């Protein structure tokens, strides 16, 4: 899944062999963390996932990779503490995903307008944390890459980094053009927040419901 992202950053001649830190936020099953593990042999990877239905899958999948992948079983929010989380009910949700698409779980409630799937969500309370607090807890000097799929909570996560956001090299994030969840962040929100420090480097259709955006720090442009 990270192949398109890798094509873009390889085009910039980015050093994938250096020691670096990667945040995989909204990891679902940690498969992308494992891909980063293979592509960045000296990276420390932090995977964030709060869905109790998929955390056991994450734990199993990263068993052989624990030397460089750390699982943080919490939601990322703009404060540290507890928050509501709305996991997909995998039995009742109508979707083409055979597993019921738990990756569509969110900090926000579905607004029931998405025509591709019909989400049925449960409501639970989970631990949440800011990225700033994680950076401090693990003594991380710099986050180099953010890979993020947060079903509308992307802006909360980015804001939670505080001043550390300006030093990130690349951000790969899902962006939405039509709201699927009530009060979710939209493309304009995310783009406005990032443009003081970042330029988008992939071509966007700006059509449909959502797509992925790749942002590169302006200081990396030559």
C-alpha atoms as a PDB file:
ATOM      1  CA  UNK A   1       0.000   0.000   0.000  1.00  0.00           C
ATOM      2  CA  UNK A   2       2.937   2.386   0.501  1.00  0.00           C
ATOM      3  CA  UNK A   3       4.303   1.839  -3.028  1.00  0.00           C
ATOM      4  CA  UNK A   4       2.879   5.074  -4.472  1.00  0.00           C
ATOM      5  CA  UNK A   5       4.228   7.024  -1.501  1.00  0.00           C
ATOM      6  CA  UNK A   6       7.652   5.421  -1.970  1.00  0.00           C
ATOM      7  CA  UNK A   7       7.654   6.337  -5.658  1.00  0.00           C
ATOM      8  CA  UNK A   8       7.121   9.976  -4.772  1.00  0.00           C
ATOM      9  CA  UNK A   9       9.755  10.218  -2.059  1.00  0.00           C
ATOM     10  CA  UNK A  10      12.293   8.210  -4.071  1.00  0.00           C
ATOM     11  CA  UNK A  11      11.834  10.772  -6.823  1.00  0.00           C
ATOM     12  CA  UNK A  12      13.056  13.394  -4.336  1.00  0.00           C
ATOM     13  CA  UNK A  13      16.149  11.255  -3.637  1.00  0.00           C
ATOM     14  CA  UNK A  14      15.195  11.016   0.037  1.00  0.00           C
ATOM     15  CA  UNK A  15      17.602   8.928   2.113  1.00  0.00           C
ATOM     16  CA  UNK A  16      15.625   5.843   3.164  1.00  0.00           C
ATOM     17  CA  UNK A  17      18.675   4.294   4.831  1.00  0.00           C
ATOM     18  CA  UNK A  18      19.125   6.941   7.507  1.00  0.00           C
ATOM     19  CA  UNK A  19      17.978   6.640  11.094  1.00  0.00           C
ATOM     20  CA  UNK A  20      14.511   8.115  11.264  1.00  0.00           C
ATOM     21  CA  UNK A  21      11.165   8.010  13.045  1.00  0.00           C
ATOM     22  CA  UNK A  22       7.892   7.081  11.346  1.00  0.00           C
ATOM     23  CA  UNK A  23       4.408   7.476  12.820  1.00  0.00           C
ATOM     24  CA  UNK A  24       1.744   5.120  11.422  1.00  0.00           C
ATOM     25  CA  UNK A  25      -1.432   6.675  12.806  1.00  0.00           C
ATOM     26  CA  UNK A  26      -4.650   4.702  12.519  1.00  0.00           C
ATOM     27  CA  UNK A  27      -2.713   1.556  11.813  1.00  0.00           C
ATOM     28  CA  UNK A  28      -5.652  -0.877  11.596  1.00  0.00           C
ATOM     29  CA  UNK A  29      -3.538  -4.049  11.307  1.00  0.00           C
ATOM     30  CA  UNK A  30       0.042  -2.675  11.266  1.00  0.00           C
ATOM     31  CA  UNK A  31       0.620  -3.893   7.718  1.00  0.00           C
ATOM     32  CA  UNK A  32       1.887  -0.488   6.607  1.00  0.00           C
ATOM     33  CA  UNK A  33       4.194  -0.359   9.636  1.00  0.00           C
ATOM     34  CA  UNK A  34       5.695  -3.625   8.419  1.00  0.00           C
ATOM     35  CA  UNK A  35       6.094  -2.210   4.913  1.00  0.00           C
ATOM     36  CA  UNK A  36       7.936   0.780   6.363  1.00  0.00           C
ATOM     37  CA  UNK A  37      10.049  -1.614   8.426  1.00  0.00           C
ATOM     38  CA  UNK A  38      11.226  -3.240   5.191  1.00  0.00           C
ATOM     39  CA  UNK A  39      11.723  -0.037   3.179  1.00  0.00           C
ATOM     40  CA  UNK A  40      13.431   1.940   5.959  1.00  0.00           C
ATOM     41  CA  UNK A  41      15.898  -0.475   7.585  1.00  0.00           C
ATOM     42  CA  UNK A  42      17.010   1.999  10.256  1.00  0.00           C
ATOM     43  CA  UNK A  43      13.630   3.497  11.131  1.00  0.00           C
ATOM     44  CA  UNK A  44      11.900   3.411  14.494  1.00  0.00           C
ATOM     45  CA  UNK A  45       8.194   3.022  13.783  1.00  0.00           C
ATOM     46  CA  UNK A  46       5.356   3.912  16.136  1.00  0.00           C
ATOM     47  CA  UNK A  47       1.966   2.426  15.229  1.00  0.00           C
ATOM     48  CA  UNK A  48      -1.159   3.943  16.768  1.00  0.00           C
ATOM     49  CA  UNK A  49      -4.387   1.924  16.944  1.00  0.00           C
ATOM     50  CA  UNK A  50      -7.184   2.158  19.511  1.00  0.00           C
ATOM     51  CA  UNK A  51      -9.746  -0.261  18.063  1.00  0.00           C
ATOM     52  CA  UNK A  52     -10.064  -3.205  20.461  1.00  0.00           C
ATOM     53  CA  UNK A  53     -11.313  -5.325  17.551  1.00  0.00           C
ATOM     54  CA  UNK A  54      -8.064  -4.950  15.614  1.00  0.00           C
ATOM     55  CA  UNK A  55      -5.409  -4.435  18.304  1.00  0.00           C
ATOM     56  CA  UNK A  56      -4.948  -8.233  18.681  1.00  0.00           C
ATOM     57  CA  UNK A  57      -4.288  -8.412  14.929  1.00  0.00           C
ATOM     58  CA  UNK A  58      -1.692  -5.653  15.265  1.00  0.00           C
ATOM     59  CA  UNK A  59       0.028  -7.480  18.121  1.00  0.00           C
ATOM     60  CA  UNK A  60       0.181 -10.716  16.133  1.00  0.00           C
ATOM     61  CA  UNK A  61       1.382  -9.064  12.938  1.00  0.00           C
ATOM     62  CA  UNK A  62       4.275  -7.152  14.507  1.00  0.00           C
ATOM     63  CA  UNK A  63       5.527 -10.026  16.662  1.00  0.00           C
ATOM     64  CA  UNK A  64       8.627 -10.500  14.479  1.00  0.00           C
ATOM     65  CA  UNK A  65       9.247  -6.775  14.133  1.00  0.00           C
ATOM     66  CA  UNK A  66       9.202  -5.550  17.712  1.00  0.00           C
ATOM     67  CA  UNK A  67      12.833  -4.475  17.539  1.00  0.00           C
ATOM     68  CA  UNK A  68      11.727  -1.411  15.552  1.00  0.00           C
ATOM     69  CA  UNK A  69       7.914  -1.276  15.690  1.00  0.00           C
ATOM     70  CA  UNK A  70       6.206   0.005  18.842  1.00  0.00           C
ATOM     71  CA  UNK A  71       2.433  -0.346  19.130  1.00  0.00           C
ATOM     72  CA  UNK A  72       0.641   2.414  21.020  1.00  0.00           C
ATOM     73  CA  UNK A  73      -2.912   1.138  21.686  1.00  0.00           C
ATOM     74  CA  UNK A  74      -4.490   4.563  21.996  1.00  0.00           C
ATOM     75  CA  UNK A  75      -6.429   7.017  19.882  1.00  0.00           C
ATOM     76  CA  UNK A  76      -4.632  10.158  18.732  1.00  0.00           C
ATOM     77  CA  UNK A  77      -6.538  13.271  19.757  1.00  0.00           C
ATOM     78  CA  UNK A  78      -5.838  16.919  20.586  1.00  0.00           C
ATOM     79  CA  UNK A  79      -5.684  16.079  24.301  1.00  0.00           C
ATOM     80  CA  UNK A  80      -4.456  13.188  26.448  1.00  0.00           C
ATOM     81  CA  UNK A  81      -6.981  11.265  28.518  1.00  0.00           C
ATOM     82  CA  UNK A  82     -10.165   9.438  27.516  1.00  0.00           C
ATOM     83  CA  UNK A  83     -12.441   9.988  24.536  1.00  0.00           C
ATOM     84  CA  UNK A  84     -15.397   8.481  22.723  1.00  0.00           C
ATOM     85  CA  UNK A  85     -14.618   6.163  19.833  1.00  0.00           C
ATOM     86  CA  UNK A  86     -17.050   4.710  17.333  1.00  0.00           C
ATOM     87  CA  UNK A  87     -15.824   1.320  16.096  1.00  0.00           C
ATOM     88  CA  UNK A  88     -17.487  -0.220  13.084  1.00  0.00           C
ATOM     89  CA  UNK A  89     -19.873  -3.036  13.923  1.00  0.00           C
ATOM     90  CA  UNK A  90     -18.329  -5.557  11.569  1.00  0.00           C
ATOM     91  CA  UNK A  91     -21.389  -7.807  11.524  1.00  0.00           C
ATOM     92  CA  UNK A  92     -23.997  -5.131  10.790  1.00  0.00           C
ATOM     93  CA  UNK A  93     -22.068  -2.788   8.485  1.00  0.00           C
ATOM     94  CA  UNK A  94     -22.883  -3.185   4.786  1.00  0.00           C
ATOM     95  CA  UNK A  95     -19.615  -3.229   2.854  1.00  0.00           C
ATOM     96  CA  UNK A  96     -17.691  -5.165   0.224  1.00  0.00           C
ATOM     97  CA  UNK A  97     -14.930  -5.778   2.782  1.00  0.00           C
ATOM     98  CA  UNK A  98     -15.138  -9.368   3.975  1.00  0.00           C
ATOM     99  CA  UNK A  99     -13.992  -8.345   7.455  1.00  0.00           C
ATOM    100  CA  UNK A 100     -16.676  -5.660   7.806  1.00  0.00           C
ATOM    101  CA  UNK A 101     -14.147  -2.845   7.261  1.00  0.00           C
ATOM    102  CA  UNK A 102     -13.039  -2.042  10.826  1.00  0.00           C
ATOM    103  CA  UNK A 103     -10.717   0.548   9.296  1.00  0.00           C
ATOM    104  CA  UNK A 104     -13.732   2.837   8.887  1.00  0.00           C
ATOM    105  CA  UNK A 105     -13.979   3.195  12.670  1.00  0.00           C
ATOM    106  CA  UNK A 106     -13.609   6.799  13.790  1.00  0.00           C
ATOM    107  CA  UNK A 107     -13.598   9.343  16.575  1.00  0.00           C
ATOM    108  CA  UNK A 108     -16.672  10.695  14.789  1.00  0.00           C
ATOM    109  CA  UNK A 109     -20.129   9.341  14.028  1.00  0.00           C
ATOM    110  CA  UNK A 110     -21.056   8.480  10.468  1.00  0.00           C
ATOM    111  CA  UNK A 111     -23.491  10.958   8.919  1.00  0.00           C
ATOM    112  CA  UNK A 112     -25.029   8.143   6.823  1.00  0.00           C
ATOM    113  CA  UNK A 113     -24.494   9.910   3.498  1.00  0.00           C
ATOM    114  CA  UNK A 114     -21.663   7.717   2.161  1.00  0.00           C
ATOM    115  CA  UNK A 115     -23.102   5.803  -0.784  1.00  0.00           C
ATOM    116  CA  UNK A 116     -20.355   3.183  -1.125  1.00  0.00           C
ATOM    117  CA  UNK A 117     -20.933   1.570   2.280  1.00  0.00           C
ATOM    118  CA  UNK A 118     -23.447   1.760   5.108  1.00  0.00           C
ATOM    119  CA  UNK A 119     -21.718   2.039   8.470  1.00  0.00           C
ATOM    120  CA  UNK A 120     -23.146   0.763  11.722  1.00  0.00           C
ATOM    121  CA  UNK A 121     -21.035   1.968  14.644  1.00  0.00           C
ATOM    122  CA  UNK A 122     -20.828   1.062  18.294  1.00  0.00           C
ATOM    123  CA  UNK A 123     -19.766   3.573  20.953  1.00  0.00           C
ATOM    124  CA  UNK A 124     -16.946   2.938  23.430  1.00  0.00           C
ATOM    125  CA  UNK A 125     -14.507   4.918  25.549  1.00  0.00           C
ATOM    126  CA  UNK A 126     -10.797   4.603  24.785  1.00  0.00           C
ATOM    127  CA  UNK A 127      -7.519   6.066  25.952  1.00  0.00           C
ATOM    128  CA  UNK A 128      -6.298   8.941  23.812  1.00  0.00           C
ATOM    129  CA  UNK A 129      -3.013  10.794  23.561  1.00  0.00           C
ATOM    130  CA  UNK A 130      -1.477  13.743  21.759  1.00  0.00           C
ATOM    131  CA  UNK A 131       1.460  13.178  19.439  1.00  0.00           C
ATOM    132  CA  UNK A 132       3.305  15.848  21.402  1.00  0.00           C
ATOM    133  CA  UNK A 133       3.015  13.750  24.569  1.00  0.00           C
ATOM    134  CA  UNK A 134       4.208  10.636  22.728  1.00  0.00           C
ATOM    135  CA  UNK A 135       7.198  12.544  21.382  1.00  0.00           C
ATOM    136  CA  UNK A 136       8.074  13.637  24.910  1.00  0.00           C
ATOM    137  CA  UNK A 137       7.443  10.203  26.450  1.00  0.00           C
ATOM    138  CA  UNK A 138       9.741   8.403  24.014  1.00  0.00           C
ATOM    139  CA  UNK A 139      12.319  11.210  23.787  1.00  0.00           C
ATOM    140  CA  UNK A 140      11.855  11.498  20.034  1.00  0.00           C
ATOM    141  CA  UNK A 141      13.966  14.357  18.655  1.00  0.00           C
ATOM    142  CA  UNK A 142      12.170  14.502  15.297  1.00  0.00           C
ATOM    143  CA  UNK A 143       9.354  12.725  13.471  1.00  0.00           C
ATOM    144  CA  UNK A 144      10.448  12.239   9.869  1.00  0.00           C
ATOM    145  CA  UNK A 145       7.393  10.654   8.240  1.00  0.00           C
ATOM    146  CA  UNK A 146       3.704  10.539   9.133  1.00  0.00           C
ATOM    147  CA  UNK A 147       1.431   7.975   7.493  1.00  0.00           C
ATOM    148  CA  UNK A 148      -2.103   8.723   8.588  1.00  0.00           C
ATOM    149  CA  UNK A 149      -5.583   7.310   7.989  1.00  0.00           C
ATOM    150  CA  UNK A 150      -7.859   8.612  10.716  1.00  0.00           C
ATOM    151  CA  UNK A 151     -11.333   8.776   9.206  1.00  0.00           C
ATOM    152  CA  UNK A 152     -11.813  12.478   9.740  1.00  0.00           C
ATOM    153  CA  UNK A 153      -9.547  13.025  12.761  1.00  0.00           C
ATOM    154  CA  UNK A 154      -6.472  13.995  10.738  1.00  0.00           C
ATOM    155  CA  UNK A 155      -6.464  17.655  11.740  1.00  0.00           C
ATOM    156  CA  UNK A 156      -6.739  16.790  15.440  1.00  0.00           C
ATOM    157  CA  UNK A 157      -3.653  14.599  15.109  1.00  0.00           C
ATOM    158  CA  UNK A 158      -1.633  17.175  13.198  1.00  0.00           C
ATOM    159  CA  UNK A 159      -2.523  19.930  15.651  1.00  0.00           C
ATOM    160  CA  UNK A 160      -1.550  17.679  18.551  1.00  0.00           C
ATOM    161  CA  UNK A 161       2.101  17.736  17.441  1.00  0.00           C
ATOM    162  CA  UNK A 162       2.391  21.434  18.284  1.00  0.00           C
ATOM    163  CA  UNK A 163       5.748  22.851  17.178  1.00  0.00           C
ATOM    164  CA  UNK A 164       7.097  19.450  16.092  1.00  0.00           C
ATOM    165  CA  UNK A 165       4.895  19.447  12.998  1.00  0.00           C
ATOM    166  CA  UNK A 166       7.163  21.960  11.252  1.00  0.00           C
ATOM    167  CA  UNK A 167      10.106  19.523  11.241  1.00  0.00           C
ATOM    168  CA  UNK A 168       8.327  16.542   9.657  1.00  0.00           C
ATOM    169  CA  UNK A 169       9.707  15.646   6.220  1.00  0.00           C
ATOM    170  CA  UNK A 170       6.709  13.902   4.623  1.00  0.00           C
ATOM    171  CA  UNK A 171       3.048  13.450   5.508  1.00  0.00           C
ATOM    172  CA  UNK A 172       0.797  10.946   3.753  1.00  0.00           C
ATOM    173  CA  UNK A 173      -2.808  11.511   4.766  1.00  0.00           C
ATOM    174  CA  UNK A 174      -6.295  10.660   3.659  1.00  0.00           C
ATOM    175  CA  UNK A 175      -8.226  13.796   2.683  1.00  0.00           C
ATOM    176  CA  UNK A 176     -11.973  14.174   2.220  1.00  0.00           C
ATOM    177  CA  UNK A 177     -13.987  16.308  -0.188  1.00  0.00           C
ATOM    178  CA  UNK A 178     -17.412  15.260   1.055  1.00  0.00           C
ATOM    179  CA  UNK A 179     -18.107  14.555   4.737  1.00  0.00           C
ATOM    180  CA  UNK A 180     -18.652  10.938   5.723  1.00  0.00           C
ATOM    181  CA  UNK A 181     -18.565  11.674   9.454  1.00  0.00           C
ATOM    182  CA  UNK A 182     -20.163  14.475  11.456  1.00  0.00           C
ATOM    183  CA  UNK A 183     -17.654  17.246  12.296  1.00  0.00           C
ATOM    184  CA  UNK A 184     -14.758  15.549  10.489  1.00  0.00           C
ATOM    185  CA  UNK A 185     -11.833  17.479   9.003  1.00  0.00           C
ATOM    186  CA  UNK A 186     -12.080  18.239   5.297  1.00  0.00           C
ATOM    187  CA  UNK A 187      -9.391  18.794   2.669  1.00  0.00           C
ATOM    188  CA  UNK A 188      -9.459  22.580   3.002  1.00  0.00           C
ATOM    189  CA  UNK A 189      -8.955  22.320   6.778  1.00  0.00           C
ATOM    190  CA  UNK A 190      -5.949  20.034   6.480  1.00  0.00           C
ATOM    191  CA  UNK A 191      -4.451  21.844   3.498  1.00  0.00           C
ATOM    192  CA  UNK A 192      -4.705  25.252   5.172  1.00  0.00           C
ATOM    193  CA  UNK A 193      -3.031  23.922   8.289  1.00  0.00           C
ATOM    194  CA  UNK A 194      -0.131  22.337   6.409  1.00  0.00           C
ATOM    195  CA  UNK A 195       0.637  24.875   3.675  1.00  0.00           C
ATOM    196  CA  UNK A 196       2.748  27.221   5.836  1.00  0.00           C
ATOM    197  CA  UNK A 197       5.369  24.458   6.051  1.00  0.00           C
ATOM    198  CA  UNK A 198       4.482  21.932   3.336  1.00  0.00           C
ATOM    199  CA  UNK A 199       3.755  21.619  -0.367  1.00  0.00           C
ATOM    200  CA  UNK A 200       1.599  18.850  -1.793  1.00  0.00           C
ATOM    201  CA  UNK A 201       3.604  16.745  -4.258  1.00  0.00           C
ATOM    202  CA  UNK A 202       1.069  14.364  -5.787  1.00  0.00           C
ATOM    203  CA  UNK A 203      -1.650  15.203  -8.278  1.00  0.00           C
ATOM    204  CA  UNK A 204      -5.113  15.325  -6.736  1.00  0.00           C
ATOM    205  CA  UNK A 205      -8.327  14.775  -8.644  1.00  0.00           C
ATOM    206  CA  UNK A 206     -10.267  16.783  -6.034  1.00  0.00           C
ATOM    207  CA  UNK A 207     -13.280  14.700  -6.984  1.00  0.00           C
ATOM    208  CA  UNK A 208     -15.401  12.066  -5.299  1.00  0.00           C
ATOM    209  CA  UNK A 209     -15.410  11.406  -1.582  1.00  0.00           C
ATOM    210  CA  UNK A 210     -11.747  11.135  -0.633  1.00  0.00           C
ATOM    211  CA  UNK A 211      -8.208  10.387  -1.761  1.00  0.00           C
ATOM    212  CA  UNK A 212      -4.670  10.454  -0.405  1.00  0.00           C
ATOM    213  CA  UNK A 213      -2.444  13.512  -0.274  1.00  0.00           C
ATOM    214  CA  UNK A 214       1.350  13.535   0.050  1.00  0.00           C
ATOM    215  CA  UNK A 215       2.926  16.623   1.603  1.00  0.00           C
ATOM    216  CA  UNK A 216       6.644  17.417   1.585  1.00  0.00           C
ATOM    217  CA  UNK A 217       8.316  19.941   3.855  1.00  0.00           C
ATOM    218  CA  UNK A 218       9.250  23.110   1.975  1.00  0.00           C
ATOM    219  CA  UNK A 219      12.788  23.047   3.354  1.00  0.00           C
ATOM    220  CA  UNK A 220      13.436  19.858   1.321  1.00  0.00           C
ATOM    221  CA  UNK A 221      12.789  21.629  -1.975  1.00  0.00           C
ATOM    222  CA  UNK A 222      15.993  22.589  -3.738  1.00  0.00           C
END
